Amino acid sequence: MTVLNNIGLQDQPSRELAEKLNILLANYQLFYMNARSFHWNIKGNSFFELHLKFEELYTDSLIKIDEIAERVLTLSHGPSHTFSKYLADSSIKEAKNISKGNEAIKKILEGFEILLPLEREILSLSDEMNDEGTNAMMSDYIREQEKLVWMYSAYLNEH
């Protein structure tokens, strides 16, 4: 007998998807903290423009953190919610004492190198199980971040 969750998706694939979403959640928590740190600690000639850009990044990350956690709940599972779990599950590591713009941007791009493949993996899983809600969310994230990768990479090529 097939067990369905609250939104009519099979429970076992939903559990696997929720686990992947919790890994994404952990990575976003570290990405958020790093962007916040860059915002606070940036120095130099690009201070004003990067200070604003890093604020945009951490604000967007905070929204995504909430969306991911709520999606896990929608799939009838529990979101991770402790920093020890985030640190254990995240491939993105803490960036410490970074105040130079180019160094911070390189760390942002490294974060996207982790987030994008994970989002594509989740997109594939959600597509297989006909989970349009997660599918749409991941598609939006991927589209947005691919553009940011292009823009931040272009910035590095200029400076």
C-alpha atoms as a PDB file:
ATOM      1  CA  MET A   1       0.000   0.000   0.000  1.00  0.00           C
ATOM      2  CA  THR A   2       1.276   3.450  -0.957  1.00  0.00           C
ATOM      3  CA  VAL A   3       1.342   5.953   1.892  1.00  0.00           C
ATOM      4  CA  LEU A   4       0.673   9.561   0.882  1.00  0.00           C
ATOM      5  CA  ASN A   5       1.545  12.714   2.778  1.00  0.00           C
ATOM      6  CA  ASN A   6      -0.772  15.681   3.403  1.00  0.00           C
ATOM      7  CA  ILE A   7      -0.409  17.030  -0.145  1.00  0.00           C
ATOM      8  CA  GLY A   8      -0.914  13.695  -1.888  1.00  0.00           C
ATOM      9  CA  LEU A   9       2.708  12.800  -2.624  1.00  0.00           C
ATOM     10  CA  GLN A  10       4.219   9.449  -1.746  1.00  0.00           C
ATOM     11  CA  ASP A  11       5.663   9.530   1.752  1.00  0.00           C
ATOM     12  CA  GLN A  12       9.004   7.773   1.158  1.00  0.00           C
ATOM     13  CA  PRO A  13      10.128   9.937  -1.801  1.00  0.00           C
ATOM     14  CA  SER A  14       8.889  12.980   0.144  1.00  0.00           C
ATOM     15  CA  ARG A  15      11.073  11.952   3.078  1.00  0.00           C
ATOM     16  CA  GLU A  16      14.131  11.686   0.811  1.00  0.00           C
ATOM     17  CA  LEU A  17      13.322  15.051  -0.744  1.00  0.00           C
ATOM     18  CA  ALA A  18      12.870  16.634   2.706  1.00  0.00           C
ATOM     19  CA  GLU A  19      16.310  15.322   3.707  1.00  0.00           C
ATOM     20  CA  LYS A  20      17.867  16.969   0.635  1.00  0.00           C
ATOM     21  CA  LEU A  21      15.974  20.171   1.354  1.00  0.00           C
ATOM     22  CA  ASN A  22      17.369  20.129   4.906  1.00  0.00           C
ATOM     23  CA  ILE A  23      20.878  19.894   3.456  1.00  0.00           C
ATOM     24  CA  LEU A  24      20.044  22.854   1.215  1.00  0.00           C
ATOM     25  CA  LEU A  25      18.682  24.665   4.282  1.00  0.00           C
ATOM     26  CA  ALA A  26      21.947  24.097   6.147  1.00  0.00           C
ATOM     27  CA  ASN A  27      23.957  25.426   3.217  1.00  0.00           C
ATOM     28  CA  TYR A  28      21.748  28.493   2.964  1.00  0.00           C
ATOM     29  CA  GLN A  29      22.218  29.200   6.664  1.00  0.00           C
ATOM     30  CA  LEU A  30      26.004  29.323   6.184  1.00  0.00           C
ATOM     31  CA  PHE A  31      25.675  31.258   2.918  1.00  0.00           C
ATOM     32  CA  TYR A  32      23.465  33.769   4.763  1.00  0.00           C
ATOM     33  CA  MET A  33      25.907  34.180   7.650  1.00  0.00           C
ATOM     34  CA  ASN A  34      28.833  34.634   5.276  1.00  0.00           C
ATOM     35  CA  ALA A  35      26.980  37.268   3.222  1.00  0.00           C
ATOM     36  CA  ARG A  36      26.006  39.041   6.430  1.00  0.00           C
ATOM     37  CA  SER A  37      29.640  39.017   7.574  1.00  0.00           C
ATOM     38  CA  PHE A  38      30.815  40.401   4.220  1.00  0.00           C
ATOM     39  CA  HIS A  39      28.203  43.160   4.511  1.00  0.00           C
ATOM     40  CA  TRP A  40      29.455  44.121   7.961  1.00  0.00           C
ATOM     41  CA  ASN A  41      33.188  43.820   7.307  1.00  0.00           C
ATOM     42  CA  ILE A  42      33.695  45.035   3.734  1.00  0.00           C
ATOM     43  CA  LYS A  43      36.293  47.804   3.289  1.00  0.00           C
ATOM     44  CA  GLY A  44      37.894  49.655   0.424  1.00  0.00           C
ATOM     45  CA  ASN A  45      36.974  51.536  -2.737  1.00  0.00           C
ATOM     46  CA  SER A  46      33.993  49.300  -3.515  1.00  0.00           C
ATOM     47  CA  PHE A  47      32.534  49.588  -0.017  1.00  0.00           C
ATOM     48  CA  PHE A  48      29.300  51.334  -0.946  1.00  0.00           C
ATOM     49  CA  GLU A  49      28.338  49.125  -3.880  1.00  0.00           C
ATOM     50  CA  LEU A  50      29.379  45.837  -2.234  1.00  0.00           C
ATOM     51  CA  HIS A  51      27.858  46.746   1.122  1.00  0.00           C
ATOM     52  CA  LEU A  52      24.493  47.041  -0.675  1.00  0.00           C
ATOM     53  CA  LYS A  53      25.011  43.922  -2.811  1.00  0.00           C
ATOM     54  CA  PHE A  54      25.854  41.797   0.222  1.00  0.00           C
ATOM     55  CA  GLU A  55      22.753  43.119   1.980  1.00  0.00           C
ATOM     56  CA  GLU A  56      20.671  42.058  -1.038  1.00  0.00           C
ATOM     57  CA  LEU A  57      22.258  38.596  -0.870  1.00  0.00           C
ATOM     58  CA  TYR A  58      21.668  38.010   2.811  1.00  0.00           C
ATOM     59  CA  THR A  59      18.125  39.398   2.643  1.00  0.00           C
ATOM     60  CA  ASP A  60      17.326  37.071  -0.269  1.00  0.00           C
ATOM     61  CA  SER A  61      18.956  34.151   1.554  1.00  0.00           C
ATOM     62  CA  LEU A  62      16.845  34.790   4.630  1.00  0.00           C
ATOM     63  CA  ILE A  63      13.690  34.590   2.512  1.00  0.00           C
ATOM     64  CA  LYS A  64      14.900  31.364   0.884  1.00  0.00           C
ATOM     65  CA  ILE A  65      15.735  29.851   4.295  1.00  0.00           C
ATOM     66  CA  ASP A  66      12.136  30.396   5.360  1.00  0.00           C
ATOM     67  CA  GLU A  67      10.756  29.052   2.073  1.00  0.00           C
ATOM     68  CA  ILE A  68      12.884  25.904   2.254  1.00  0.00           C
ATOM     69  CA  ALA A  69      11.928  25.198   5.876  1.00  0.00           C
ATOM     70  CA  GLU A  70       8.258  25.721   5.061  1.00  0.00           C
ATOM     71  CA  ARG A  71       8.545  23.409   2.040  1.00  0.00           C
ATOM     72  CA  VAL A  72       9.954  20.671   4.283  1.00  0.00           C
ATOM     73  CA  LEU A  73       6.934  21.162   6.551  1.00  0.00           C
ATOM     74  CA  THR A  74       4.593  21.110   3.547  1.00  0.00           C
ATOM     75  CA  LEU A  75       6.074  17.716   2.638  1.00  0.00           C
ATOM     76  CA  SER A  76       5.012  16.563   6.149  1.00  0.00           C
ATOM     77  CA  HIS A  77       8.523  16.489   7.619  1.00  0.00           C
ATOM     78  CA  GLY A  78      10.540  18.630  10.017  1.00  0.00           C
ATOM     79  CA  PRO A  79      13.124  21.255   9.061  1.00  0.00           C
ATOM     80  CA  SER A  80      16.538  21.272  10.672  1.00  0.00           C
ATOM     81  CA  HIS A  81      16.726  24.092  13.195  1.00  0.00           C
ATOM     82  CA  THR A  82      19.999  24.000  15.121  1.00  0.00           C
ATOM     83  CA  PHE A  83      23.290  25.586  14.193  1.00  0.00           C
ATOM     84  CA  SER A  84      25.174  22.415  15.148  1.00  0.00           C
ATOM     85  CA  LYS A  85      23.093  20.525  12.528  1.00  0.00           C
ATOM     86  CA  TYR A  86      23.642  23.274   9.959  1.00  0.00           C
ATOM     87  CA  LEU A  87      27.394  23.183  10.511  1.00  0.00           C
ATOM     88  CA  ALA A  88      27.441  19.382  10.270  1.00  0.00           C
ATOM     89  CA  ASP A  89      25.304  19.238   7.106  1.00  0.00           C
ATOM     90  CA  SER A  90      26.636  22.229   5.176  1.00  0.00           C
ATOM     91  CA  SER A  91      29.298  21.981   2.502  1.00  0.00           C
ATOM     92  CA  ILE A  92      29.597  25.775   2.652  1.00  0.00           C
ATOM     93  CA  LYS A  93      31.996  26.658   5.436  1.00  0.00           C
ATOM     94  CA  GLU A  94      32.232  29.738   7.602  1.00  0.00           C
ATOM     95  CA  ALA A  95      34.144  32.600   6.015  1.00  0.00           C
ATOM     96  CA  LYS A  96      36.115  34.421   8.692  1.00  0.00           C
ATOM     97  CA  ASN A  97      37.716  37.856   8.727  1.00  0.00           C
ATOM     98  CA  ILE A  98      37.103  38.727   5.073  1.00  0.00           C
ATOM     99  CA  SER A  99      37.017  42.453   4.358  1.00  0.00           C
ATOM    100  CA  LYS A 100      38.342  42.629   0.776  1.00  0.00           C
ATOM    101  CA  GLY A 101      35.695  42.791  -1.942  1.00  0.00           C
ATOM    102  CA  ASN A 102      37.214  40.364  -4.414  1.00  0.00           C
ATOM    103  CA  GLU A 103      37.869  37.786  -1.707  1.00  0.00           C
ATOM    104  CA  ALA A 104      34.269  38.061  -0.493  1.00  0.00           C
ATOM    105  CA  ILE A 105      32.902  37.728  -4.024  1.00  0.00           C
ATOM    106  CA  LYS A 106      35.038  34.632  -4.617  1.00  0.00           C
ATOM    107  CA  LYS A 107      33.489  33.113  -1.474  1.00  0.00           C
ATOM    108  CA  ILE A 108      30.006  34.022  -2.732  1.00  0.00           C
ATOM    109  CA  LEU A 109      30.766  32.288  -6.039  1.00  0.00           C
ATOM    110  CA  GLU A 110      32.103  29.251  -4.166  1.00  0.00           C
ATOM    111  CA  GLY A 111      28.794  29.163  -2.299  1.00  0.00           C
ATOM    112  CA  PHE A 112      26.865  29.161  -5.565  1.00  0.00           C
ATOM    113  CA  GLU A 113      29.092  26.291  -6.780  1.00  0.00           C
ATOM    114  CA  ILE A 114      27.630  24.281  -3.887  1.00  0.00           C
ATOM    115  CA  LEU A 115      24.047  25.582  -3.963  1.00  0.00           C
ATOM    116  CA  LEU A 116      23.389  25.210  -7.687  1.00  0.00           C
ATOM    117  CA  PRO A 117      24.246  21.494  -8.058  1.00  0.00           C
ATOM    118  CA  LEU A 118      22.259  20.719  -4.906  1.00  0.00           C
ATOM    119  CA  GLU A 119      19.270  22.663  -6.228  1.00  0.00           C
ATOM    120  CA  ARG A 120      19.527  20.831  -9.559  1.00  0.00           C
ATOM    121  CA  GLU A 121      19.586  17.504  -7.717  1.00  0.00           C
ATOM    122  CA  ILE A 122      16.483  18.511  -5.734  1.00  0.00           C
ATOM    123  CA  LEU A 123      14.827  19.686  -8.963  1.00  0.00           C
ATOM    124  CA  SER A 124      15.453  16.278 -10.516  1.00  0.00           C
ATOM    125  CA  LEU A 125      14.034  14.468  -7.477  1.00  0.00           C
ATOM    126  CA  SER A 126      10.979  16.685  -7.277  1.00  0.00           C
ATOM    127  CA  ASP A 127      10.372  16.264 -10.997  1.00  0.00           C
ATOM    128  CA  GLU A 128      10.470  12.453 -10.680  1.00  0.00           C
ATOM    129  CA  MET A 129       7.795  12.524  -7.976  1.00  0.00           C
ATOM    130  CA  ASN A 130       5.605  15.170  -9.671  1.00  0.00           C
ATOM    131  CA  ASP A 131       6.170  17.664  -6.853  1.00  0.00           C
ATOM    132  CA  GLU A 132       5.451  20.862  -8.754  1.00  0.00           C
ATOM    133  CA  GLY A 133       5.772  23.046  -5.627  1.00  0.00           C
ATOM    134  CA  THR A 134       9.392  22.097  -4.955  1.00  0.00           C
ATOM    135  CA  ASN A 135      10.076  21.965  -8.678  1.00  0.00           C
ATOM    136  CA  ALA A 136       8.952  25.562  -9.224  1.00  0.00           C
ATOM    137  CA  MET A 137      10.881  26.785  -6.191  1.00  0.00           C
ATOM    138  CA  MET A 138      14.145  25.160  -7.336  1.00  0.00           C
ATOM    139  CA  SER A 139      13.681  26.400 -10.912  1.00  0.00           C
ATOM    140  CA  ASP A 140      13.302  29.947  -9.615  1.00  0.00           C
ATOM    141  CA  TYR A 141      16.366  29.656  -7.378  1.00  0.00           C
ATOM    142  CA  ILE A 142      18.502  28.225 -10.175  1.00  0.00           C
ATOM    143  CA  ARG A 143      17.462  30.915 -12.659  1.00  0.00           C
ATOM    144  CA  GLU A 144      18.196  33.707 -10.167  1.00  0.00           C
ATOM    145  CA  GLN A 145      21.544  32.285  -9.088  1.00  0.00           C
ATOM    146  CA  GLU A 146      22.822  31.570 -12.578  1.00  0.00           C
ATOM    147  CA  LYS A 147      22.367  35.270 -13.320  1.00  0.00           C
ATOM    148  CA  LEU A 148      24.142  36.221 -10.091  1.00  0.00           C
ATOM    149  CA  VAL A 149      27.055  33.931 -10.966  1.00  0.00           C
ATOM    150  CA  TRP A 150      27.381  35.712 -14.277  1.00  0.00           C
ATOM    151  CA  MET A 151      27.203  39.155 -12.644  1.00  0.00           C
ATOM    152  CA  TYR A 152      29.644  38.464  -9.804  1.00  0.00           C
ATOM    153  CA  SER A 153      32.035  36.756 -12.210  1.00  0.00           C
ATOM    154  CA  ALA A 154      31.884  39.804 -14.494  1.00  0.00           C
ATOM    155  CA  TYR A 155      32.625  42.043 -11.502  1.00  0.00           C
ATOM    156  CA  LEU A 156      35.751  40.019 -10.690  1.00  0.00           C
ATOM    157  CA  ASN A 157      36.943  40.315 -14.292  1.00  0.00           C
ATOM    158  CA  GLU A 158      36.787  44.112 -14.014  1.00  0.00           C
ATOM    159  CA  HIS A 159      38.628  44.472 -10.695  1.00  0.00           C
END
